[in-house]
Amino acid sequence: MQQYNGTKQDHTTYDSLACYASNPWGTAGAADVTLSNIKIWSGAKPTDWDNTVDIATLQETVANLVTATATMADSIDKINDELELLTEALDRISNAITTTTADPTTTTMDDTAANLLCDTDSYSTIKGQWFYDDSDCSLENTDSASGNIVWFGSADGLTPDDSFDADSFTMTATMEIHSGKDAGIMLRTGESSTTNDEGPTYYVGLYPSSDKVVFGTMDDGWSAKHTASVALEYDQIYTLSVEASGNLYSVYVGDVLVLADITRTEFGSGSIGLRTYNAPATYHSLSYSADE
């Protein structure tokens, strides 16, 4: 047997025949053990070798290495089993989403039923040039004059529809403003008139020209009560929502709460409607749900 001249220098006695083996543990601990760490060498033992190990110790070392390898393999198998279960769960979730998600470009029966604009007999045009598109139930006002109104009430504007007179409710419109000043929704509307700002009603409007949302009152004149800064653009569809609970009101643009729990006591009853002010606009949908 010839002398081993590799890089491993920590050799120890292998057996009584002057064969030598390196200490596979080295200085790095058990994690450093690999088969390649064990080196065999024969001949005179160098005088600077401080560590010694007999054949029993070497056998124990190899046995420990085998056990560690087997344990690692068992752990890898367990990890693979868990990954397989996780993959199956993700597949089930993906299939459920695919099954329940409707094509956003398709109008379903539920979508139509929820859009109040589809029922043209339920609202009256008070002022403005409003055009109804029966292909998607949208309602567009092309008049850039002030105070163009559609409301859910009598054609003469004097009798509100009490179907929309709940104490607590959520009202939501999807809409876009094409140019001009502002457009929005009316609530707690007691009467509607061709006279601008006559009311009585609350009005919540989007103002793209000044990047704001305003909650105000109309009662023989307009009074802005609450304002929030919101980045707005023309010809961009926005969802404008009002949540009412008695005299408390919260306003959302999309999913963002822009006015929270404001208190207004001017009007306690009335119907709902749409209004534009010097702003051609299109309303794509309108919904109203009363809280029990």
Protein backbone atom coordinates (compact mmCIF):
# COMPACT_ATOMS: atom_id res chain seq x y z
CA MET A 1 0.00 0.00 0.00
CA GLN A 2 1.38 3.40 -0.98
CA GLN A 3 1.36 6.60 0.94
CA TYR A 4 -1.78 8.79 0.44
CA ASN A 5 -0.83 12.34 -0.49
CA GLY A 6 -4.32 13.97 -0.65
CA THR A 7 -5.39 17.15 1.07
CA LYS A 8 -6.77 15.50 4.20
CA GLN A 9 -3.99 15.60 6.82
CA ASP A 10 -5.75 14.64 10.08
CA HIS A 11 -4.85 10.91 9.94
CA THR A 12 -5.24 8.46 12.82
CA THR A 13 -4.25 4.90 13.46
CA TYR A 14 -6.40 2.46 11.50
CA ASP A 15 -5.25 -0.87 13.06
CA SER A 16 -2.23 -2.63 14.50
CA LEU A 17 -0.80 -3.24 11.02
CA ALA A 18 0.26 0.39 10.74
CA CYS A 19 -2.56 1.23 8.34
CA TYR A 20 -3.98 4.69 8.90
CA ALA A 21 -7.35 6.39 8.26
CA SER A 22 -8.30 10.00 8.52
CA ASN A 23 -10.75 11.14 11.19
CA PRO A 24 -13.87 11.66 9.06
CA TRP A 25 -15.38 14.03 11.58
CA GLY A 26 -12.58 16.55 11.22
CA THR A 27 -13.23 19.74 13.13
CA ALA A 28 -16.64 20.47 11.62
CA GLY A 29 -18.70 17.95 13.55
CA ALA A 30 -21.04 15.18 12.38
CA ALA A 31 -22.44 17.19 9.49
CA ASP A 32 -19.01 17.04 7.85
CA VAL A 33 -19.06 13.24 7.48
CA THR A 34 -19.08 11.89 3.94
CA LEU A 35 -17.55 8.80 2.46
CA SER A 36 -15.01 10.95 0.69
CA ASN A 37 -13.73 12.20 4.07
CA ILE A 38 -12.28 8.78 4.99
CA LYS A 39 -8.68 8.37 3.74
CA ILE A 40 -6.47 5.24 4.07
CA TRP A 41 -2.70 5.44 4.44
CA SER A 42 0.03 2.94 5.39
CA GLY A 43 3.63 3.25 6.44
CA ALA A 44 5.28 5.00 9.30
CA LYS A 45 2.90 7.17 11.29
CA PRO A 46 3.95 10.84 11.09
CA THR A 47 5.01 12.23 14.44
CA ASP A 48 2.65 15.22 14.19
CA TRP A 49 -0.50 13.08 14.18
CA ASP A 50 -2.12 13.76 17.54
CA ASN A 51 -5.45 11.96 17.09
CA THR A 52 -5.77 8.17 17.02
CA VAL A 53 -8.73 5.89 16.37
CA ASP A 54 -9.02 2.11 16.36
CA ILE A 55 -11.03 -0.11 14.01
CA ALA A 56 -14.09 -0.17 16.33
CA THR A 57 -14.30 3.61 16.32
CA LEU A 58 -14.04 3.71 12.55
CA GLN A 59 -16.80 1.11 12.22
CA GLU A 60 -19.01 3.16 14.54
CA THR A 61 -18.32 6.24 12.46
CA VAL A 62 -19.41 4.52 9.27
CA ALA A 63 -22.51 3.15 11.00
CA ASN A 64 -23.44 6.68 12.12
CA LEU A 65 -22.99 7.92 8.59
CA VAL A 66 -25.33 5.24 7.24
CA THR A 67 -27.94 6.06 9.89
CA ALA A 68 -27.77 9.78 9.13
CA THR A 69 -28.17 9.11 5.42
CA ALA A 70 -31.20 6.88 6.03
CA THR A 71 -32.78 9.52 8.30
CA MET A 72 -32.24 12.19 5.67
CA ALA A 73 -33.84 10.00 3.02
CA ASP A 74 -36.85 9.40 5.28
CA SER A 75 -37.22 13.16 5.85
CA ILE A 76 -37.07 13.82 2.11
CA ASP A 77 -39.82 11.24 1.57
CA LYS A 78 -41.99 12.96 4.18
CA ILE A 79 -41.41 16.36 2.58
CA ASN A 80 -42.34 14.97 -0.83
CA ASP A 81 -45.55 13.50 0.64
CA GLU A 82 -46.48 16.89 2.13
CA LEU A 83 -45.75 18.66 -1.18
CA GLU A 84 -47.99 16.20 -2.98
CA LEU A 85 -50.85 16.88 -0.56
CA LEU A 86 -50.34 20.64 -0.94
CA THR A 87 -50.39 20.35 -4.73
CA GLU A 88 -53.66 18.41 -4.59
CA ALA A 89 -55.21 21.08 -2.34
CA LEU A 90 -54.10 23.89 -4.68
CA ASP A 91 -55.57 22.01 -7.63
CA ARG A 92 -58.93 21.74 -5.84
CA ILE A 93 -58.90 25.49 -5.07
CA SER A 94 -58.00 26.32 -8.67
CA ASN A 95 -60.81 24.14 -9.98
CA ALA A 96 -63.30 25.78 -7.61
CA ILE A 97 -62.29 29.27 -8.75
CA THR A 98 -62.55 28.28 -12.40
CA THR A 99 -66.00 26.82 -11.79
CA THR A 100 -67.53 29.76 -9.87
CA THR A 101 -65.97 32.76 -11.61
CA ALA A 102 -68.15 34.16 -14.40
CA ASP A 103 -66.86 35.80 -17.55
CA PRO A 104 -66.77 39.51 -16.65
CA THR A 105 -67.91 40.42 -20.19
CA THR A 106 -71.05 38.32 -19.87
CA THR A 107 -74.25 39.77 -18.39
CA THR A 108 -76.00 37.10 -16.32
CA MET A 109 -79.58 37.06 -15.06
CA ASP A 110 -78.36 38.02 -11.57
CA ASP A 111 -76.39 40.97 -12.99
CA THR A 112 -79.47 42.23 -14.83
CA ALA A 113 -81.72 41.84 -11.81
CA ALA A 114 -79.29 43.79 -9.62
CA ASN A 115 -79.05 46.71 -12.05
CA LEU A 116 -81.99 49.03 -11.40
CA LEU A 117 -81.39 50.84 -14.69
CA CYS A 118 -82.61 47.77 -16.59
CA ASP A 119 -86.15 48.47 -15.36
CA THR A 120 -86.92 51.62 -17.31
CA ASP A 121 -90.45 51.84 -15.85
CA SER A 122 -89.07 52.32 -12.34
CA TYR A 123 -87.56 55.77 -12.88
CA SER A 124 -88.48 59.09 -14.47
CA THR A 125 -86.47 61.62 -16.42
CA ILE A 126 -86.88 65.04 -14.81
CA LYS A 127 -84.34 67.01 -16.83
CA GLY A 128 -81.64 66.39 -19.44
CA GLN A 129 -81.03 64.30 -22.56
CA TRP A 130 -80.86 60.74 -21.28
CA PHE A 131 -80.36 57.79 -23.65
CA TYR A 132 -80.91 54.19 -22.60
CA ASP A 133 -78.87 51.36 -24.14
CA ASP A 134 -80.84 48.12 -23.79
CA SER A 135 -77.82 46.01 -24.71
CA ASP A 136 -76.18 46.68 -21.33
CA CYS A 137 -78.79 48.75 -19.43
CA SER A 138 -76.54 51.81 -19.37
CA LEU A 139 -77.99 55.29 -19.18
CA GLU A 140 -76.14 58.23 -20.75
CA ASN A 141 -76.81 61.94 -20.36
CA THR A 142 -75.39 64.04 -23.19
CA ASP A 143 -76.67 67.38 -21.91
CA SER A 144 -73.97 69.60 -20.42
CA ALA A 145 -76.46 71.88 -18.69
CA SER A 146 -76.88 72.06 -14.92
CA GLY A 147 -79.05 69.83 -12.78
CA ASN A 148 -79.94 66.96 -15.15
CA ILE A 149 -81.87 64.40 -13.13
CA VAL A 150 -83.31 60.89 -13.34
CA TRP A 151 -85.06 59.78 -10.16
CA PHE A 152 -87.04 56.88 -8.80
CA GLY A 153 -90.37 58.56 -8.28
CA SER A 154 -93.31 60.13 -10.10
CA ALA A 155 -92.88 61.87 -13.46
CA ASP A 156 -93.85 65.21 -11.94
CA GLY A 157 -91.06 64.89 -9.38
CA LEU A 158 -93.37 65.26 -6.41
CA THR A 159 -93.79 61.70 -5.10
CA PRO A 160 -90.74 59.59 -4.18
CA ASP A 161 -90.78 55.80 -4.57
CA ASP A 162 -90.92 54.46 -1.03
CA SER A 163 -89.19 51.26 -2.17
CA PHE A 164 -85.99 53.25 -1.73
CA ASP A 165 -86.83 54.87 1.60
CA ALA A 166 -85.09 52.51 4.04
CA ASP A 167 -83.48 53.84 7.20
CA SER A 168 -80.30 51.85 6.49
CA PHE A 169 -79.17 50.92 3.00
CA THR A 170 -76.31 50.66 0.53
CA MET A 171 -76.50 52.42 -2.83
CA THR A 172 -73.92 51.85 -5.56
CA ALA A 173 -73.46 53.30 -9.04
CA THR A 174 -70.87 52.45 -11.66
CA MET A 175 -70.35 55.54 -13.76
CA GLU A 176 -68.00 57.59 -15.89
CA ILE A 177 -67.85 61.31 -16.55
CA HIS A 178 -66.85 62.34 -20.05
CA SER A 179 -66.17 66.05 -19.53
CA GLY A 180 -67.24 69.08 -17.53
CA LYS A 181 -67.79 69.46 -13.80
CA ASP A 182 -69.49 66.75 -11.72
CA ALA A 183 -71.96 63.89 -11.69
CA GLY A 184 -73.16 61.53 -8.99
CA ILE A 185 -76.09 60.13 -7.06
CA MET A 186 -78.96 61.49 -4.97
CA LEU A 187 -80.40 59.94 -1.80
CA ARG A 188 -83.09 60.81 0.74
CA THR A 189 -84.67 62.73 -2.16
CA GLY A 190 -88.06 64.18 -1.23
CA GLU A 191 -88.75 65.89 -4.58
CA SER A 192 -87.04 66.43 -7.93
CA SER A 193 -87.34 69.54 -10.08
CA THR A 194 -86.06 71.08 -13.30
CA THR A 195 -84.87 73.95 -11.12
CA ASN A 196 -81.22 73.37 -10.33
CA ASP A 197 -80.34 72.63 -6.68
CA GLU A 198 -83.97 72.76 -5.56
CA GLY A 199 -84.10 69.44 -3.70
CA PRO A 200 -84.66 68.50 -0.99
CA THR A 201 -81.97 65.82 -1.29
CA TYR A 202 -78.47 64.72 -0.43
CA TYR A 203 -76.10 64.65 -3.38
CA VAL A 204 -72.76 62.82 -3.62
CA GLY A 205 -70.73 63.83 -6.67
CA LEU A 206 -67.45 63.00 -8.39
CA TYR A 207 -65.44 66.01 -9.62
CA PRO A 208 -62.72 64.90 -12.07
CA SER A 209 -61.74 68.48 -12.88
CA SER A 210 -60.71 69.07 -9.26
CA ASP A 211 -59.99 65.50 -8.05
CA LYS A 212 -62.51 65.38 -5.25
CA VAL A 213 -65.66 63.73 -3.94
CA VAL A 214 -68.29 65.95 -2.31
CA PHE A 215 -71.21 65.10 -0.03
CA GLY A 216 -73.70 67.96 0.20
CA THR A 217 -77.29 69.09 0.52
CA MET A 218 -79.73 70.64 -1.95
CA ASP A 219 -82.69 72.49 -0.50
CA ASP A 220 -83.41 75.61 -2.55
CA GLY A 221 -79.65 75.86 -2.98
CA TRP A 222 -76.49 73.78 -2.86
CA SER A 223 -74.26 73.41 0.19
CA ALA A 224 -71.12 71.26 0.17
CA LYS A 225 -70.80 69.60 3.59
CA HIS A 226 -67.94 67.10 3.29
CA THR A 227 -65.09 66.82 0.77
CA ALA A 228 -62.42 64.18 0.14
CA SER A 229 -59.47 64.39 -2.24
CA VAL A 230 -59.53 61.55 -4.77
CA ALA A 231 -57.60 61.25 -8.04
CA LEU A 232 -60.19 61.07 -10.83
CA GLU A 233 -60.06 60.99 -14.61
CA TYR A 234 -62.53 61.55 -17.42
CA ASP A 235 -63.83 58.51 -19.34
CA GLN A 236 -62.80 56.22 -16.50
CA ILE A 237 -65.44 53.98 -14.92
CA TYR A 238 -65.69 54.37 -11.14
CA THR A 239 -67.82 52.66 -8.52
CA LEU A 240 -69.43 55.19 -6.19
CA SER A 241 -71.13 53.79 -3.08
CA VAL A 242 -72.94 55.24 -0.10
CA GLU A 243 -73.68 53.25 3.03
CA ALA A 244 -76.41 54.79 5.16
CA SER A 245 -77.32 53.87 8.72
CA GLY A 246 -79.82 56.35 10.06
CA ASN A 247 -78.03 59.69 10.14
CA LEU A 248 -74.58 58.16 9.56
CA TYR A 249 -73.15 57.97 6.04
CA SER A 250 -69.96 56.51 4.56
CA VAL A 251 -68.81 57.05 0.98
CA TYR A 252 -66.60 54.73 -1.06
CA VAL A 253 -64.91 55.14 -4.42
CA GLY A 254 -64.13 51.62 -5.54
CA ASP A 255 -63.01 49.79 -2.39
CA VAL A 256 -61.57 52.93 -0.81
CA LEU A 257 -63.44 54.57 2.06
CA VAL A 258 -63.14 58.29 1.34
CA LEU A 259 -65.70 59.72 3.80
CA ALA A 260 -66.32 57.74 6.99
CA ASP A 261 -69.30 57.92 9.34
CA ILE A 262 -70.30 61.48 8.63
CA THR A 263 -73.43 62.67 10.42
CA ARG A 264 -76.21 64.51 8.54
CA THR A 265 -79.67 65.20 9.92
CA GLU A 266 -81.22 67.47 7.27
CA PHE A 267 -83.25 64.75 5.52
CA GLY A 268 -84.58 61.50 6.97
CA SER A 269 -86.60 60.06 4.10
CA GLY A 270 -86.98 60.05 0.34
CA SER A 271 -86.02 58.13 -2.77
CA ILE A 272 -82.87 57.96 -4.92
CA GLY A 273 -81.70 59.29 -8.28
CA LEU A 274 -78.92 60.26 -10.66
CA ARG A 275 -77.69 63.79 -11.31
CA THR A 276 -75.17 65.53 -13.56
CA TYR A 277 -74.00 69.13 -13.42
CA ASN A 278 -72.45 70.59 -16.58
CA ALA A 279 -71.03 67.11 -17.22
CA PRO A 280 -72.07 64.55 -19.86
CA ALA A 281 -71.87 61.17 -18.14
CA THR A 282 -72.78 57.50 -18.48
CA TYR A 283 -74.19 55.35 -15.68
CA HIS A 284 -73.54 51.67 -16.30
CA SER A 285 -75.37 50.26 -13.30
CA LEU A 286 -77.22 51.23 -10.15
CA SER A 287 -78.05 49.05 -7.17
CA TYR A 288 -79.83 49.58 -3.87
CA SER A 289 -80.08 47.17 -0.96
CA ALA A 290 -81.91 47.89 2.28
CA ASP A 291 -80.47 46.52 5.51
CA GLU A 292 -82.80 44.44 7.60
